[in-house]
Protein backbone atom coordinates (compact mmCIF):
# COMPACT_ATOMS: atom_id res chain seq x y z
CA MET A 1 -15.86 -40.00 -17.11
CA ALA A 2 -18.04 -39.15 -20.07
CA THR A 3 -20.70 -41.80 -19.48
CA HIS A 4 -23.65 -39.41 -19.48
CA GLU A 5 -26.17 -39.60 -22.30
CA ALA A 6 -24.05 -37.56 -24.72
CA SER A 7 -21.10 -39.93 -24.50
CA TYR A 8 -20.17 -42.23 -27.33
CA VAL A 9 -16.69 -43.40 -26.30
CA THR A 10 -16.34 -47.05 -25.37
CA CYS A 11 -13.46 -48.71 -23.57
CA GLY A 12 -12.35 -50.26 -26.85
CA ASP A 13 -12.32 -46.84 -28.44
CA LEU A 14 -10.24 -45.49 -25.54
CA GLU A 15 -7.69 -48.25 -26.05
CA GLU A 16 -7.40 -47.43 -29.75
CA ARG A 17 -7.07 -43.71 -29.08
CA ALA A 18 -4.43 -44.31 -26.42
CA ALA A 19 -2.42 -46.34 -28.93
CA ARG A 20 -2.62 -43.52 -31.48
CA ALA A 21 -1.60 -41.00 -28.83
CA TYR A 22 1.39 -43.09 -27.73
CA ASP A 23 2.63 -43.03 -31.32
CA LEU A 24 3.08 -39.27 -30.88
CA LEU A 25 5.61 -39.87 -28.08
CA ALA A 26 8.24 -41.55 -30.28
CA SER A 27 9.26 -38.18 -31.68
CA CYS A 28 7.12 -36.11 -29.41
CA SER A 29 4.45 -34.00 -31.07
CA VAL A 30 1.82 -34.24 -28.34
CA CYS A 31 1.81 -30.45 -27.93
CA PRO A 32 2.50 -27.56 -30.34
CA ARG A 33 6.18 -27.42 -29.37
CA ALA A 34 6.75 -30.74 -31.15
CA CYS A 35 10.16 -30.96 -29.48
CA GLY A 36 10.78 -34.35 -31.10
CA VAL A 37 12.34 -36.24 -28.19
CA ASN A 38 11.74 -39.97 -27.80
CA ARG A 39 9.57 -40.05 -24.70
CA LEU A 40 8.88 -43.75 -25.23
CA SER A 41 12.47 -44.31 -24.10
CA GLY A 42 11.91 -42.08 -21.07
CA GLU A 43 13.67 -39.03 -22.53
CA PRO A 44 12.04 -35.91 -21.04
CA GLY A 45 10.55 -33.33 -23.36
CA TYR A 46 10.60 -29.56 -22.98
CA CYS A 47 7.66 -30.09 -20.64
CA GLY A 48 9.70 -32.32 -18.32
CA GLY A 49 7.48 -35.32 -19.02
CA GLY A 50 8.87 -38.70 -20.02
CA LEU A 51 7.06 -41.98 -20.54
CA LEU A 52 5.26 -42.36 -17.22
CA PRO A 53 2.74 -39.86 -15.87
CA LYS A 54 4.16 -37.78 -13.04
CA VAL A 55 1.82 -36.65 -10.25
CA SER A 56 2.58 -34.03 -7.64
CA SER A 57 -0.55 -34.40 -5.51
CA TYR A 58 -4.24 -35.22 -5.69
CA GLY A 59 -7.36 -34.90 -3.58
CA PRO A 60 -10.72 -33.14 -3.20
CA HIS A 61 -10.17 -29.45 -3.97
CA PHE A 62 -12.48 -26.64 -2.88
CA GLY A 63 -10.72 -23.67 -4.46
CA GLU A 64 -12.05 -24.17 -7.99
CA GLU A 65 -15.13 -22.62 -9.59
CA PRO A 66 -18.33 -23.26 -7.56
CA VAL A 67 -19.86 -25.29 -10.42
CA LEU A 68 -16.96 -27.77 -10.08
CA VAL A 69 -16.64 -27.87 -6.29
CA GLY A 70 -20.19 -28.52 -5.07
CA GLN A 71 -20.42 -30.14 -1.64
CA HIS A 72 -17.66 -32.74 -1.93
CA GLY A 73 -15.01 -30.98 -4.00
CA SER A 74 -13.38 -31.33 -7.37
CA GLY A 75 -11.15 -34.41 -7.59
CA THR A 76 -7.99 -32.59 -8.58
CA VAL A 77 -4.91 -34.37 -9.94
CA PHE A 78 -1.88 -32.08 -10.19
CA LEU A 79 0.33 -33.36 -13.00
CA SER A 80 4.00 -32.37 -12.93
CA GLY A 81 5.70 -30.36 -15.63
CA CYS A 82 4.25 -28.00 -18.20
CA ASN A 83 4.80 -27.07 -21.84
CA MET A 84 4.83 -23.39 -20.87
CA ARG A 85 7.29 -21.67 -18.55
CA CYS A 86 5.42 -18.77 -17.01
CA ASP A 87 7.82 -16.54 -15.13
CA TYR A 88 5.12 -15.82 -12.53
CA CYS A 89 3.74 -19.36 -12.05
CA GLN A 90 2.24 -19.90 -8.61
CA ASN A 91 2.81 -23.66 -8.93
CA TYR A 92 6.39 -23.36 -10.20
CA MET A 93 7.68 -26.17 -7.97
CA ILE A 94 5.30 -28.51 -9.80
CA SER A 95 5.36 -27.00 -13.27
CA GLN A 96 9.06 -26.17 -13.63
CA CYS A 97 11.07 -27.64 -10.76
CA GLY A 98 10.10 -31.27 -11.21
CA GLN A 99 8.17 -31.83 -7.99
CA GLY A 100 6.20 -35.06 -8.21
CA THR A 101 6.47 -38.82 -8.54
CA GLU A 102 6.31 -40.95 -11.66
CA ILE A 103 3.61 -43.60 -11.39
CA SER A 104 2.13 -46.25 -13.63
CA CYS A 105 -1.05 -45.70 -15.60
CA GLU A 106 -2.65 -48.36 -13.40
CA ALA A 107 -1.81 -46.26 -10.34
CA LEU A 108 -3.23 -43.14 -11.97
CA ALA A 109 -6.44 -45.02 -12.73
CA ALA A 110 -6.60 -46.06 -9.08
CA ILE A 111 -6.28 -42.40 -8.03
CA MET A 112 -9.28 -41.49 -10.18
CA LEU A 113 -11.36 -44.27 -8.69
CA GLU A 114 -10.28 -43.28 -5.17
CA LEU A 115 -11.41 -39.68 -5.77
CA GLN A 116 -14.73 -40.90 -7.15
CA GLY A 117 -15.10 -43.10 -4.07
CA LYS A 118 -14.60 -40.05 -1.85
CA GLY A 119 -17.60 -38.39 -3.47
CA CYS A 120 -15.76 -35.89 -5.68
CA HIS A 121 -18.01 -34.48 -8.36
CA ASN A 122 -15.44 -34.74 -11.15
CA ILE A 123 -11.85 -35.67 -11.97
CA ASN A 124 -9.89 -32.48 -12.64
CA PHE A 125 -6.59 -32.92 -14.50
CA VAL A 126 -4.38 -29.87 -13.93
CA SER A 127 -1.77 -29.28 -16.67
CA PRO A 128 -2.71 -32.38 -18.68
CA THR A 129 -1.49 -31.23 -22.12
CA HIS A 130 1.78 -33.17 -22.19
CA TYR A 131 0.26 -36.35 -20.74
CA VAL A 132 -2.70 -36.96 -23.06
CA PRO A 133 -1.45 -40.44 -24.14
CA GLN A 134 -0.96 -41.54 -20.53
CA LEU A 135 -4.34 -40.10 -19.51
CA LEU A 136 -6.13 -41.99 -22.25
CA LYS A 137 -4.47 -45.24 -21.20
CA SER A 138 -5.30 -44.60 -17.53
CA LEU A 139 -8.89 -43.70 -18.39
CA ASP A 140 -9.28 -46.92 -20.34
CA ILE A 141 -8.29 -48.82 -17.20
CA ALA A 142 -10.44 -46.68 -14.86
CA ALA A 143 -13.50 -46.83 -17.10
CA SER A 144 -13.37 -50.62 -17.14
CA GLN A 145 -13.47 -50.50 -13.34
CA GLY A 146 -16.44 -48.14 -13.03
CA LEU A 147 -15.21 -44.55 -13.38
CA SER A 148 -18.26 -42.53 -14.33
CA ILE A 149 -17.95 -38.93 -13.07
CA PRO A 150 -17.20 -36.01 -15.43
CA LEU A 151 -13.64 -35.33 -16.55
CA VAL A 152 -12.15 -31.84 -16.49
CA TYR A 153 -9.22 -30.82 -18.73
CA ASN A 154 -7.64 -27.85 -16.91
CA THR A 155 -5.11 -26.33 -19.30
CA GLY A 156 -3.03 -23.27 -20.15
CA SER A 157 -4.35 -23.69 -23.72
CA TYR A 158 -1.01 -24.32 -25.41
CA ASP A 159 -2.62 -27.39 -26.94
CA SER A 160 -2.48 -29.12 -30.30
CA VAL A 161 -5.82 -29.40 -32.10
CA ASP A 162 -4.88 -32.84 -33.45
CA THR A 163 -4.20 -34.08 -29.92
CA LEU A 164 -7.41 -32.54 -28.62
CA LYS A 165 -9.35 -34.46 -31.27
CA LEU A 166 -8.25 -37.69 -29.58
CA LEU A 167 -10.20 -36.47 -26.53
CA ASP A 168 -13.45 -35.82 -28.39
CA GLY A 169 -16.21 -37.62 -26.47
CA VAL A 170 -13.82 -38.38 -23.59
CA ILE A 171 -13.50 -35.02 -21.84
CA ASP A 172 -16.72 -33.56 -20.44
CA ILE A 173 -15.51 -30.15 -19.29
CA TYR A 174 -12.69 -28.18 -20.84
CA MET A 175 -11.24 -25.44 -18.65
CA PRO A 176 -8.74 -23.44 -20.75
CA ASP A 177 -6.93 -20.34 -19.55
CA THR A 178 -6.89 -17.50 -22.08
CA LYS A 179 -3.66 -16.01 -20.80
CA TYR A 180 -2.78 -13.39 -23.39
CA GLY A 181 -4.04 -11.39 -26.32
CA ARG A 182 -0.57 -10.58 -27.68
CA ASP A 183 2.15 -12.98 -28.79
CA THR A 184 4.96 -10.68 -27.69
CA VAL A 185 3.78 -10.85 -24.08
CA ALA A 186 3.19 -14.61 -24.27
CA LEU A 187 6.74 -15.10 -25.50
CA GLY A 188 8.25 -12.75 -22.95
CA LEU A 189 6.41 -14.03 -19.89
CA SER A 190 5.57 -17.66 -20.72
CA HIS A 191 8.18 -18.55 -23.38
CA ALA A 192 5.33 -19.74 -25.60
CA PRO A 193 5.85 -18.85 -29.29
CA GLY A 194 2.69 -18.20 -31.28
CA TYR A 195 0.51 -18.55 -28.18
CA THR A 196 -2.52 -16.52 -29.24
CA GLY A 197 -3.14 -18.41 -32.48
CA ILE A 198 -2.58 -21.77 -30.79
CA MET A 199 -4.85 -20.83 -27.88
CA LYS A 200 -7.65 -19.65 -30.15
CA ALA A 201 -7.54 -22.76 -32.34
CA ALA A 202 -7.51 -24.99 -29.26
CA ILE A 203 -10.51 -23.28 -27.67
CA ARG A 204 -12.46 -23.41 -30.91
CA GLU A 205 -11.88 -27.18 -30.96
CA MET A 206 -12.82 -27.56 -27.31
CA HIS A 207 -16.05 -25.64 -27.88
CA ARG A 208 -16.82 -27.73 -30.97
CA GLN A 209 -16.58 -30.84 -28.81
CA VAL A 210 -18.51 -29.81 -25.70
CA GLY A 211 -20.29 -26.48 -26.38
CA ASP A 212 -21.25 -23.94 -23.74
CA LEU A 213 -21.33 -25.00 -20.11
CA THR A 214 -24.38 -26.94 -18.96
CA THR A 215 -25.16 -27.67 -15.32
CA ALA A 216 -27.45 -29.92 -13.32
CA ARG A 217 -28.36 -29.11 -9.72
CA GLY A 218 -25.75 -26.37 -9.73
CA LEU A 219 -22.88 -28.63 -10.87
CA ALA A 220 -21.04 -28.58 -14.18
CA VAL A 221 -21.97 -31.52 -16.40
CA ARG A 222 -20.50 -30.65 -19.78
CA GLY A 223 -19.08 -27.70 -21.64
CA LEU A 224 -16.49 -24.96 -21.57
CA ILE A 225 -15.31 -22.98 -18.55
CA ILE A 226 -12.91 -20.27 -19.72
CA ARG A 227 -10.47 -18.66 -17.31
CA HIS A 228 -8.78 -15.31 -17.86
CA LEU A 229 -6.07 -14.36 -15.38
CA LEU A 230 -5.93 -10.57 -15.15
CA LEU A 231 -2.33 -9.37 -15.19
CA PRO A 232 -1.30 -5.89 -14.03
CA GLY A 233 -0.75 -3.06 -16.48
CA ALA A 234 -3.04 -4.52 -19.16
CA LEU A 235 -0.39 -7.15 -20.00
CA SER A 236 -3.04 -9.82 -20.53
CA ASP A 237 -4.78 -7.59 -23.11
CA SER A 238 -8.19 -8.46 -21.71
CA GLU A 239 -10.14 -6.61 -24.38
CA ALA A 240 -8.65 -8.69 -27.19
CA VAL A 241 -9.24 -11.91 -25.25
CA LEU A 242 -12.82 -11.14 -24.24
CA LYS A 243 -13.69 -9.92 -27.74
CA PHE A 244 -12.40 -13.22 -29.15
CA ILE A 245 -14.48 -15.25 -26.70
CA ALA A 246 -17.67 -13.31 -27.40
CA GLU A 247 -17.32 -13.09 -31.18
CA GLU A 248 -15.63 -16.37 -32.07
CA ILE A 249 -16.74 -18.77 -29.33
CA SER A 250 -20.05 -17.72 -27.75
CA VAL A 251 -21.56 -14.85 -25.79
CA ASP A 252 -22.96 -17.58 -23.54
CA SER A 253 -19.45 -18.74 -22.60
CA TYR A 254 -18.84 -19.21 -18.88
CA VAL A 255 -15.88 -16.89 -18.19
CA ASN A 256 -14.05 -16.63 -14.89
CA ILE A 257 -12.13 -13.33 -14.86
CA MET A 258 -9.58 -13.95 -12.11
CA ASP A 259 -7.93 -11.22 -10.02
CA GLN A 260 -5.74 -13.59 -8.00
CA TYR A 261 -2.38 -12.79 -9.64
CA ARG A 262 0.43 -12.24 -7.16
CA PRO A 263 4.11 -11.78 -8.11
CA MET A 264 6.00 -15.03 -7.64
CA TRP A 265 8.84 -17.14 -9.06
CA ARG A 266 11.18 -15.42 -11.54
CA ILE A 267 9.21 -12.17 -11.46
CA LEU A 268 10.55 -11.60 -7.95
CA HIS A 269 14.17 -12.42 -8.79
CA GLY A 270 16.65 -11.29 -11.39
CA ASP A 271 16.28 -8.66 -14.06
CA LEU A 272 12.87 -7.97 -15.53
CA ASP A 273 12.36 -6.42 -18.95
CA PRO A 274 11.04 -2.87 -18.35
CA VAL A 275 8.11 -3.73 -20.63
CA PHE A 276 6.91 -6.10 -17.88
CA GLY A 277 7.83 -3.93 -14.91
CA ASP A 278 4.30 -3.81 -13.55
CA MET A 279 4.43 -7.56 -12.96
CA ARG A 280 5.78 -6.96 -9.44
CA ARG A 281 2.38 -5.79 -8.24
CA PRO A 282 -1.11 -7.33 -8.28
CA ALA A 283 -3.77 -6.04 -10.61
CA THR A 284 -5.66 -3.14 -9.08
CA PRO A 285 -9.40 -3.13 -8.27
CA GLY A 286 -9.78 -0.54 -11.02
CA GLU A 287 -8.13 -2.82 -13.56
CA TYR A 288 -10.45 -5.63 -12.53
CA ARG A 289 -13.53 -3.44 -12.85
CA ARG A 290 -12.45 -2.40 -16.34
CA ALA A 291 -12.07 -6.04 -17.38
CA ILE A 292 -15.54 -6.85 -16.06
CA ALA A 293 -16.99 -3.86 -17.90
CA CYS A 294 -15.23 -4.98 -21.08
CA ALA A 295 -16.80 -8.43 -20.80
CA GLY A 296 -20.21 -6.84 -20.49
CA LYS A 297 -19.54 -4.60 -23.48
CA TYR A 298 -19.13 -7.68 -25.66
CA GLY A 299 -22.23 -9.37 -24.27
CA LEU A 300 -20.53 -11.93 -22.01
CA HIS A 301 -22.66 -12.56 -18.94
CA ARG A 302 -21.79 -15.89 -17.30
CA GLY A 303 -19.18 -16.81 -14.73
CA PHE A 304 -18.35 -13.39 -13.31
CA THR A 305 -20.13 -10.70 -11.33
CA GLY A 306 -19.99 -6.99 -11.96
């Protein structure tokens, strides 16, 4: 957890922030959907999350960016549910089908300490947006018991700026995914109204908190790691996304341009709007090369090769 020299969050501060975050659950406004359900009573929100944190799996993970993985892996905690519903999600059983087990915040704190004990270089929360209150409470417990490694907030970027502010000084490494440059595509493929404006505001806040990525001995210590999943047929509008990163965040941003998209979940079944017809194929090597060239055109130079 953020106990390096730049940290200023104490356990008492974590407790107070957790209390403020839990207030958001009464008529849920943790994320931009503000669906208004009473999660304090256990009622699930649009995201599928209720009162208790729900975990699908956890353990050292070696498939993340090299600056997170190191020798002993990133201590990844896969949280169940999601406030987006991507029709191509590779983790759809976790994000949309409810796979996972509800656990107490004490148990989640124990998971973090177990991963630290195994030598993991960080704690990596995957899809944490809808569980910020529970994470703050769990971190308060874990910090009092010696949690000290960096924390990674691994998100689809459909995040509320007000909620992110509760994490200022808590999260060391933000890892947002810049999924789309057009709202029409975000709505059609991820059912996320107003995504681009929300994503941009969230990433500006994340960068304000932690700045560009800094490393020590080849491992991420603090800062922003931005992911951009390349979709086929220019659906992700990479130029708009990369231009935003370079001009409104930083040309020194660490950007992972990912070519790992494969058609899965609803994309493979049922009717698909002709506008998104190319979604049934991966991105081509030529499309990937054009995205890399676009990044270079705007002066981006970290996190990708090309």
